[in-house]
Amino acid sequence: SFNIAGTETYRFSSSQNAFGSGLNLQNIPA
């Protein structure tokens, strides 16, 4: 779930979706 108003820097933030699946897809390590 992307939160387009989640930061002061106009970056998106992300987390699990409304159904409890997924994760923060912006911090996937290489």
PDB file of all heavy atoms in Angstrom:
ATOM      1  N   SER A   1       0.863  -1.178   0.000  1.00  0.00           N
ATOM      2  CA  SER A   1       0.000   0.000   0.000  1.00  0.00           C
ATOM      3  C   SER A   1       0.897   1.223   0.000  1.00  0.00           C
ATOM      4  O   SER A   1       1.716   1.392   0.902  1.00  0.00           O
ATOM      5  CB  SER A   1      -0.897  -0.005   1.241  1.00  0.00           C
ATOM      6  OG  SER A   1      -1.615   1.204   1.337  1.00  0.00           O
ATOM      7  N   PHE A   2       0.794   2.048  -1.046  1.00  0.00           N
ATOM      8  CA  PHE A   2       1.588   3.273  -1.117  1.00  0.00           C
ATOM      9  C   PHE A   2       0.850   4.414  -0.439  1.00  0.00           C
ATOM     10  O   PHE A   2      -0.342   4.605  -0.663  1.00  0.00           O
ATOM     11  CB  PHE A   2       1.871   3.657  -2.570  1.00  0.00           C
ATOM     12  CG  PHE A   2       2.983   2.880  -3.204  1.00  0.00           C
ATOM     13  CD1 PHE A   2       2.723   1.939  -4.181  1.00  0.00           C
ATOM     14  CD2 PHE A   2       4.296   3.088  -2.820  1.00  0.00           C
ATOM     15  CE1 PHE A   2       3.741   1.223  -4.770  1.00  0.00           C
ATOM     16  CE2 PHE A   2       5.325   2.376  -3.399  1.00  0.00           C
ATOM     17  CZ  PHE A   2       5.051   1.443  -4.380  1.00  0.00           C
ATOM     18  N   ASN A   3       1.562   5.144   0.379  1.00  0.00           N
ATOM     19  CA  ASN A   3       1.022   6.341   1.026  1.00  0.00           C
ATOM     20  C   ASN A   3       1.713   7.541   0.387  1.00  0.00           C
ATOM     21  O   ASN A   3       2.881   7.817   0.660  1.00  0.00           O
ATOM     22  CB  ASN A   3       1.288   6.296   2.530  1.00  0.00           C
ATOM     23  CG  ASN A   3       0.737   7.519   3.240  1.00  0.00           C
ATOM     24  OD1 ASN A   3       0.157   8.415   2.619  1.00  0.00           O
ATOM     25  ND2 ASN A   3       0.914   7.573   4.551  1.00  0.00           N
ATOM     26  N   ILE A   4       1.011   8.244  -0.488  1.00  0.00           N
ATOM     27  CA  ILE A   4       1.651   9.329  -1.234  1.00  0.00           C
ATOM     28  C   ILE A   4       1.792  10.599  -0.405  1.00  0.00           C
ATOM     29  O   ILE A   4       2.406  11.560  -0.855  1.00  0.00           O
ATOM     30  CB  ILE A   4       0.879   9.647  -2.537  1.00  0.00           C
ATOM     31  CG1 ILE A   4      -0.552  10.113  -2.224  1.00  0.00           C
ATOM     32  CG2 ILE A   4       0.863   8.451  -3.456  1.00  0.00           C
ATOM     33  CD1 ILE A   4      -1.293  10.619  -3.442  1.00  0.00           C
ATOM     34  N   ALA A   5       1.249  10.613   0.808  1.00  0.00           N
ATOM     35  CA  ALA A   5       1.399  11.780   1.689  1.00  0.00           C
ATOM     36  C   ALA A   5       2.056  11.375   3.001  1.00  0.00           C
ATOM     37  O   ALA A   5       1.792  11.938   4.044  1.00  0.00           O
ATOM     38  CB  ALA A   5       0.038  12.425   1.952  1.00  0.00           C
ATOM     39  N   GLY A   6       2.948  10.397   2.922  1.00  0.00           N
ATOM     40  CA  GLY A   6       3.496   9.835   4.144  1.00  0.00           C
ATOM     41  C   GLY A   6       4.759  10.487   4.656  1.00  0.00           C
ATOM     42  O   GLY A   6       5.213  10.191   5.755  1.00  0.00           O
ATOM     43  N   THR A   7       5.347  11.392   3.873  1.00  0.00           N
ATOM     44  CA  THR A   7       6.600  12.001   4.290  1.00  0.00           C
ATOM     45  C   THR A   7       6.582  13.506   4.039  1.00  0.00           C
ATOM     46  O   THR A   7       5.778  14.002   3.263  1.00  0.00           O
ATOM     47  CB  THR A   7       7.797  11.407   3.519  1.00  0.00           C
ATOM     48  OG1 THR A   7       7.738  11.851   2.157  1.00  0.00           O
ATOM     49  CG2 THR A   7       7.767   9.882   3.540  1.00  0.00           C
ATOM     50  N   GLU A   8       7.517  14.207   4.673  1.00  0.00           N
ATOM     51  CA  GLU A   8       7.648  15.648   4.454  1.00  0.00           C
ATOM     52  C   GLU A   8       8.426  15.969   3.181  1.00  0.00           C
ATOM     53  O   GLU A   8       8.463  17.108   2.749  1.00  0.00           O
ATOM     54  CB  GLU A   8       8.367  16.293   5.645  1.00  0.00           C
ATOM     55  CG  GLU A   8       7.562  16.257   6.932  1.00  0.00           C
ATOM     56  CD  GLU A   8       8.289  16.950   8.066  1.00  0.00           C
ATOM     57  OE1 GLU A   8       9.515  17.146   7.937  1.00  0.00           O
ATOM     58  OE2 GLU A   8       7.653  17.283   9.081  1.00  0.00           O
ATOM     59  N   THR A   9       9.071  14.966   2.594  1.00  0.00           N
ATOM     60  CA  THR A   9       9.953  15.210   1.451  1.00  0.00           C
ATOM     61  C   THR A   9       9.280  14.894   0.120  1.00  0.00           C
ATOM     62  O   THR A   9       9.937  14.920  -0.916  1.00  0.00           O
ATOM     63  CB  THR A   9      11.213  14.349   1.563  1.00  0.00           C
ATOM     64  OG1 THR A   9      10.826  12.965   1.607  1.00  0.00           O
ATOM     65  CG2 THR A   9      12.007  14.692   2.813  1.00  0.00           C
ATOM     66  N   TYR A  10       7.995  14.584   0.128  1.00  0.00           N
ATOM     67  CA  TYR A  10       7.229  14.238  -1.070  1.00  0.00           C
ATOM     68  C   TYR A  10       7.606  12.867  -1.627  1.00  0.00           C
ATOM     69  O   TYR A  10       7.160  12.492  -2.705  1.00  0.00           O
ATOM     70  CB  TYR A  10       7.352  15.319  -2.157  1.00  0.00           C
ATOM     71  CG  TYR A  10       6.971  16.679  -1.635  1.00  0.00           C
ATOM     72  CD1 TYR A  10       7.937  17.621  -1.326  1.00  0.00           C
ATOM     73  CD2 TYR A  10       5.646  16.995  -1.373  1.00  0.00           C
ATOM     74  CE1 TYR A  10       7.596  18.853  -0.800  1.00  0.00           C
ATOM     75  CE2 TYR A  10       5.298  18.231  -0.851  1.00  0.00           C
ATOM     76  CZ  TYR A  10       6.277  19.154  -0.569  1.00  0.00           C
ATOM     77  OH  TYR A  10       5.928  20.364  -0.038  1.00  0.00           O
ATOM     78  N   ARG A  11       8.432  12.130  -0.903  1.00  0.00           N
ATOM     79  CA  ARG A  11       8.631  10.725  -1.250  1.00  0.00           C
ATOM     80  C   ARG A  11       7.350   9.962  -0.909  1.00  0.00           C
ATOM     81  O   ARG A  11       6.581  10.384  -0.059  1.00  0.00           O
ATOM     82  CB  ARG A  11       9.779  10.130  -0.449  1.00  0.00           C
ATOM     83  CG  ARG A  11      11.162  10.644  -0.816  1.00  0.00           C
ATOM     84  CD  ARG A  11      12.194  10.035   0.107  1.00  0.00           C
ATOM     85  NE  ARG A  11      13.550  10.229  -0.364  1.00  0.00           N
ATOM     86  CZ  ARG A  11      14.622   9.681   0.201  1.00  0.00           C
ATOM     87  NH1 ARG A  11      14.474   8.910   1.267  1.00  0.00           N
ATOM     88  NH2 ARG A  11      15.822   9.896  -0.289  1.00  0.00           N
ATOM     89  N   PHE A  12       7.162   8.821  -1.557  1.00  0.00           N
ATOM     90  CA  PHE A  12       6.103   7.913  -1.116  1.00  0.00           C
ATOM     91  C   PHE A  12       6.633   7.131   0.084  1.00  0.00           C
ATOM     92  O   PHE A  12       7.834   7.021   0.298  1.00  0.00           O
ATOM     93  CB  PHE A  12       5.744   6.909  -2.207  1.00  0.00           C
ATOM     94  CG  PHE A  12       5.042   7.494  -3.406  1.00  0.00           C
ATOM     95  CD1 PHE A  12       4.784   8.842  -3.520  1.00  0.00           C
ATOM     96  CD2 PHE A  12       4.623   6.666  -4.447  1.00  0.00           C
ATOM     97  CE1 PHE A  12       4.147   9.378  -4.615  1.00  0.00           C
ATOM     98  CE2 PHE A  12       3.984   7.190  -5.559  1.00  0.00           C
ATOM     99  CZ  PHE A  12       3.743   8.538  -5.648  1.00  0.00           C
ATOM    100  N   SER A  13       5.722   6.585   0.853  1.00  0.00           N
ATOM    101  CA  SER A  13       6.075   5.540   1.816  1.00  0.00           C
ATOM    102  C   SER A  13       5.167   4.357   1.521  1.00  0.00           C
ATOM    103  O   SER A  13       4.121   4.500   0.885  1.00  0.00           O
ATOM    104  CB  SER A  13       5.887   6.027   3.257  1.00  0.00           C
ATOM    105  OG  SER A  13       4.521   6.318   3.515  1.00  0.00           O
ATOM    106  N   SER A  14       5.575   3.173   1.946  1.00  0.00           N
ATOM    107  CA  SER A  14       4.778   1.984   1.640  1.00  0.00           C
ATOM    108  C   SER A  14       4.799   1.025   2.810  1.00  0.00           C
ATOM    109  O   SER A  14       5.674   1.081   3.670  1.00  0.00           O
ATOM    110  CB  SER A  14       5.297   1.292   0.369  1.00  0.00           C
ATOM    111  OG  SER A  14       6.607   0.800   0.556  1.00  0.00           O
ATOM    112  N   SER A  15       3.822   0.128   2.814  1.00  0.00           N
ATOM    113  CA  SER A  15       3.677  -0.836   3.903  1.00  0.00           C
ATOM    114  C   SER A  15       2.818  -1.987   3.406  1.00  0.00           C
ATOM    115  O   SER A  15       2.481  -2.062   2.225  1.00  0.00           O
ATOM    116  CB  SER A  15       3.024  -0.164   5.118  1.00  0.00           C
ATOM    117  OG  SER A  15       1.739   0.344   4.758  1.00  0.00           O
ATOM    118  N   GLN A  16       2.468  -2.891   4.311  1.00  0.00           N
ATOM    119  CA  GLN A  16       1.525  -3.952   3.964  1.00  0.00           C
ATOM    120  C   GLN A  16       0.244  -3.342   3.414  1.00  0.00           C
ATOM    121  O   GLN A  16      -0.110  -2.207   3.734  1.00  0.00           O
ATOM    122  CB  GLN A  16       1.177  -4.792   5.198  1.00  0.00           C
ATOM    123  CG  GLN A  16       2.254  -5.765   5.621  1.00  0.00           C
ATOM    124  CD  GLN A  16       1.768  -6.686   6.734  1.00  0.00           C
ATOM    125  OE1 GLN A  16       0.799  -6.386   7.424  1.00  0.00           O
ATOM    126  NE2 GLN A  16       2.429  -7.813   6.904  1.00  0.00           N
ATOM    127  N   ASN A  17      -0.466  -4.107   2.596  1.00  0.00           N
ATOM    128  CA  ASN A  17      -1.719  -3.572   2.053  1.00  0.00           C
ATOM    129  C   ASN A  17      -2.860  -3.788   3.053  1.00  0.00           C
ATOM    130  O   ASN A  17      -2.656  -4.312   4.155  1.00  0.00           O
ATOM    131  CB  ASN A  17      -2.026  -4.172   0.681  1.00  0.00           C
ATOM    132  CG  ASN A  17      -2.237  -5.675   0.720  1.00  0.00           C
ATOM    133  OD1 ASN A  17      -2.647  -6.230   1.742  1.00  0.00           O
ATOM    134  ND2 ASN A  17      -1.964  -6.344  -0.384  1.00  0.00           N
ATOM    135  N   ALA A  18      -4.040  -3.396   2.655  1.00  0.00           N
ATOM    136  CA  ALA A  18      -5.194  -3.429   3.567  1.00  0.00           C
ATOM    137  C   ALA A  18      -5.587  -4.842   3.968  1.00  0.00           C
ATOM    138  O   ALA A  18      -6.341  -5.027   4.926  1.00  0.00           O
ATOM    139  CB  ALA A  18      -6.380  -2.721   2.920  1.00  0.00           C
ATOM    140  N   PHE A  19      -5.098  -5.840   3.242  1.00  0.00           N
ATOM    141  CA  PHE A  19      -5.462  -7.233   3.525  1.00  0.00           C
ATOM    142  C   PHE A  19      -4.377  -7.969   4.294  1.00  0.00           C
ATOM    143  O   PHE A  19      -4.426  -9.182   4.450  1.00  0.00           O
ATOM    144  CB  PHE A  19      -5.770  -7.960   2.203  1.00  0.00           C
ATOM    145  CG  PHE A  19      -6.809  -7.261   1.386  1.00  0.00           C
ATOM    146  CD1 PHE A  19      -6.451  -6.465   0.318  1.00  0.00           C
ATOM    147  CD2 PHE A  19      -8.154  -7.363   1.709  1.00  0.00           C
ATOM    148  CE1 PHE A  19      -7.405  -5.796  -0.432  1.00  0.00           C
ATOM    149  CE2 PHE A  19      -9.121  -6.693   0.973  1.00  0.00           C
ATOM    150  CZ  PHE A  19      -8.738  -5.908  -0.097  1.00  0.00           C
ATOM    151  N   GLY A  20      -3.342  -7.236   4.757  1.00  0.00           N
ATOM    152  CA  GLY A  20      -2.317  -7.838   5.603  1.00  0.00           C
ATOM    153  C   GLY A  20      -1.229  -8.567   4.857  1.00  0.00           C
ATOM    154  O   GLY A  20      -0.411  -9.264   5.470  1.00  0.00           O
ATOM    155  N   SER A  21      -1.177  -8.436   3.546  1.00  0.00           N
ATOM    156  CA  SER A  21      -0.117  -9.083   2.780  1.00  0.00           C
ATOM    157  C   SER A  21       0.837  -8.034   2.237  1.00  0.00           C
ATOM    158  O   SER A  21       0.572  -6.833   2.269  1.00  0.00           O
ATOM    159  CB  SER A  21      -0.707  -9.907   1.634  1.00  0.00           C
ATOM    160  OG  SER A  21      -1.436  -9.081   0.753  1.00  0.00           O
ATOM    161  N   GLY A  22       1.980  -8.494   1.715  1.00  0.00           N
ATOM    162  CA  GLY A  22       2.969  -7.582   1.180  1.00  0.00           C
ATOM    163  C   GLY A  22       3.854  -6.999   2.267  1.00  0.00           C
ATOM    164  O   GLY A  22       3.886  -7.471   3.410  1.00  0.00           O
ATOM    165  N   LEU A  23       4.570  -5.943   1.919  1.00  0.00           N
ATOM    166  CA  LEU A  23       5.535  -5.331   2.834  1.00  0.00           C
ATOM    167  C   LEU A  23       5.928  -3.964   2.280  1.00  0.00           C
ATOM    168  O   LEU A  23       5.389  -3.527   1.256  1.00  0.00           O
ATOM    169  CB  LEU A  23       6.775  -6.203   2.988  1.00  0.00           C
ATOM    170  CG  LEU A  23       7.753  -6.272   1.790  1.00  0.00           C
ATOM    171  CD1 LEU A  23       9.102  -6.797   2.256  1.00  0.00           C
ATOM    172  CD2 LEU A  23       7.233  -7.145   0.665  1.00  0.00           C
ATOM    173  N   ASN A  24       6.860  -3.317   2.962  1.00  0.00           N
ATOM    174  CA  ASN A  24       7.425  -2.065   2.457  1.00  0.00           C
ATOM    175  C   ASN A  24       8.275  -2.395   1.237  1.00  0.00           C
ATOM    176  O   ASN A  24       9.373  -2.952   1.364  1.00  0.00           O
ATOM    177  CB  ASN A  24       8.272  -1.406   3.549  1.00  0.00           C
ATOM    178  CG  ASN A  24       8.986  -0.155   3.067  1.00  0.00           C
ATOM    179  OD1 ASN A  24       8.871   0.241   1.916  1.00  0.00           O
ATOM    180  ND2 ASN A  24       9.733   0.467   3.966  1.00  0.00           N
ATOM    181  N   LEU A  25       7.786  -2.058   0.053  1.00  0.00           N
ATOM    182  CA  LEU A  25       8.494  -2.408  -1.178  1.00  0.00           C
ATOM    183  C   LEU A  25       9.533  -1.365  -1.569  1.00  0.00           C
ATOM    184  O   LEU A  25      10.100  -1.447  -2.664  1.00  0.00           O
ATOM    185  CB  LEU A  25       7.490  -2.594  -2.329  1.00  0.00           C
ATOM    186  CG  LEU A  25       6.668  -3.876  -2.302  1.00  0.00           C
ATOM    187  CD1 LEU A  25       5.741  -3.949  -3.493  1.00  0.00           C
ATOM    188  CD2 LEU A  25       7.568  -5.104  -2.262  1.00  0.00           C
ATOM    189  N   GLN A  26       9.791  -0.392  -0.715  1.00  0.00           N
ATOM    190  CA  GLN A  26      10.786   0.626  -1.033  1.00  0.00           C
ATOM    191  C   GLN A  26      12.085   0.423  -0.265  1.00  0.00           C
ATOM    192  O   GLN A  26      12.976   1.266  -0.311  1.00  0.00           O
ATOM    193  CB  GLN A  26      10.213   2.013  -0.732  1.00  0.00           C
ATOM    194  CG  GLN A  26       9.005   2.336  -1.583  1.00  0.00           C
ATOM    195  CD  GLN A  26       8.336   3.612  -1.133  1.00  0.00           C
ATOM    196  OE1 GLN A  26       7.663   3.635  -0.115  1.00  0.00           O
ATOM    197  NE2 GLN A  26       8.538   4.672  -1.888  1.00  0.00           N
ATOM    198  N   ASN A  27      12.186  -0.699   0.417  1.00  0.00           N
ATOM    199  CA  ASN A  27      13.381  -0.944   1.220  1.00  0.00           C
ATOM    200  C   ASN A  27      13.866  -2.375   1.008  1.00  0.00           C
ATOM    201  O   ASN A  27      14.334  -3.023   1.937  1.00  0.00           O
ATOM    202  CB  ASN A  27      13.061  -0.699   2.704  1.00  0.00           C
ATOM    203  CG  ASN A  27      14.302  -0.583   3.546  1.00  0.00           C
ATOM    204  OD1 ASN A  27      15.341  -0.139   3.076  1.00  0.00           O
ATOM    205  ND2 ASN A  27      14.216  -1.014   4.801  1.00  0.00           N
ATOM    206  N   ILE A  28      13.736  -2.862  -0.220  1.00  0.00           N
ATOM    207  CA  ILE A  28      14.130  -4.237  -0.525  1.00  0.00           C
ATOM    208  C   ILE A  28      15.641  -4.270  -0.745  1.00  0.00           C
ATOM    209  O   ILE A  28      16.155  -3.631  -1.661  1.00  0.00           O
ATOM    210  CB  ILE A  28      13.407  -4.758  -1.785  1.00  0.00           C
ATOM    211  CG1 ILE A  28      11.892  -4.614  -1.622  1.00  0.00           C
ATOM    212  CG2 ILE A  28      13.790  -6.208  -2.040  1.00  0.00           C
ATOM    213  CD1 ILE A  28      11.301  -5.380  -0.471  1.00  0.00           C
ATOM    214  N   PRO A  29      16.387  -5.006   0.096  1.00  0.00           N
ATOM    215  CA  PRO A  29      17.851  -4.969   0.009  1.00  0.00           C
ATOM    216  C   PRO A  29      18.405  -5.781  -1.147  1.00  0.00           C
ATOM    217  O   PRO A  29      17.859  -6.828  -1.524  1.00  0.00           O
ATOM    218  CB  PRO A  29      18.290  -5.561   1.355  1.00  0.00           C
ATOM    219  CG  PRO A  29      17.147  -6.432   1.773  1.00  0.00           C
ATOM    220  CD  PRO A  29      15.898  -5.808   1.226  1.00  0.00           C
ATOM    221  N   ALA A  30      19.507  -5.283  -1.698  1.00  0.00           N
ATOM    222  CA  ALA A  30      20.190  -5.992  -2.777  1.00  0.00           C
ATOM    223  C   ALA A  30      21.216  -6.980  -2.238  1.00  0.00           C
ATOM    224  O   ALA A  30      21.887  -7.663  -3.015  1.00  0.00           O
ATOM    225  CB  ALA A  30      20.871  -4.994  -3.710  1.00  0.00           C
TER     226      ALA A  30
END
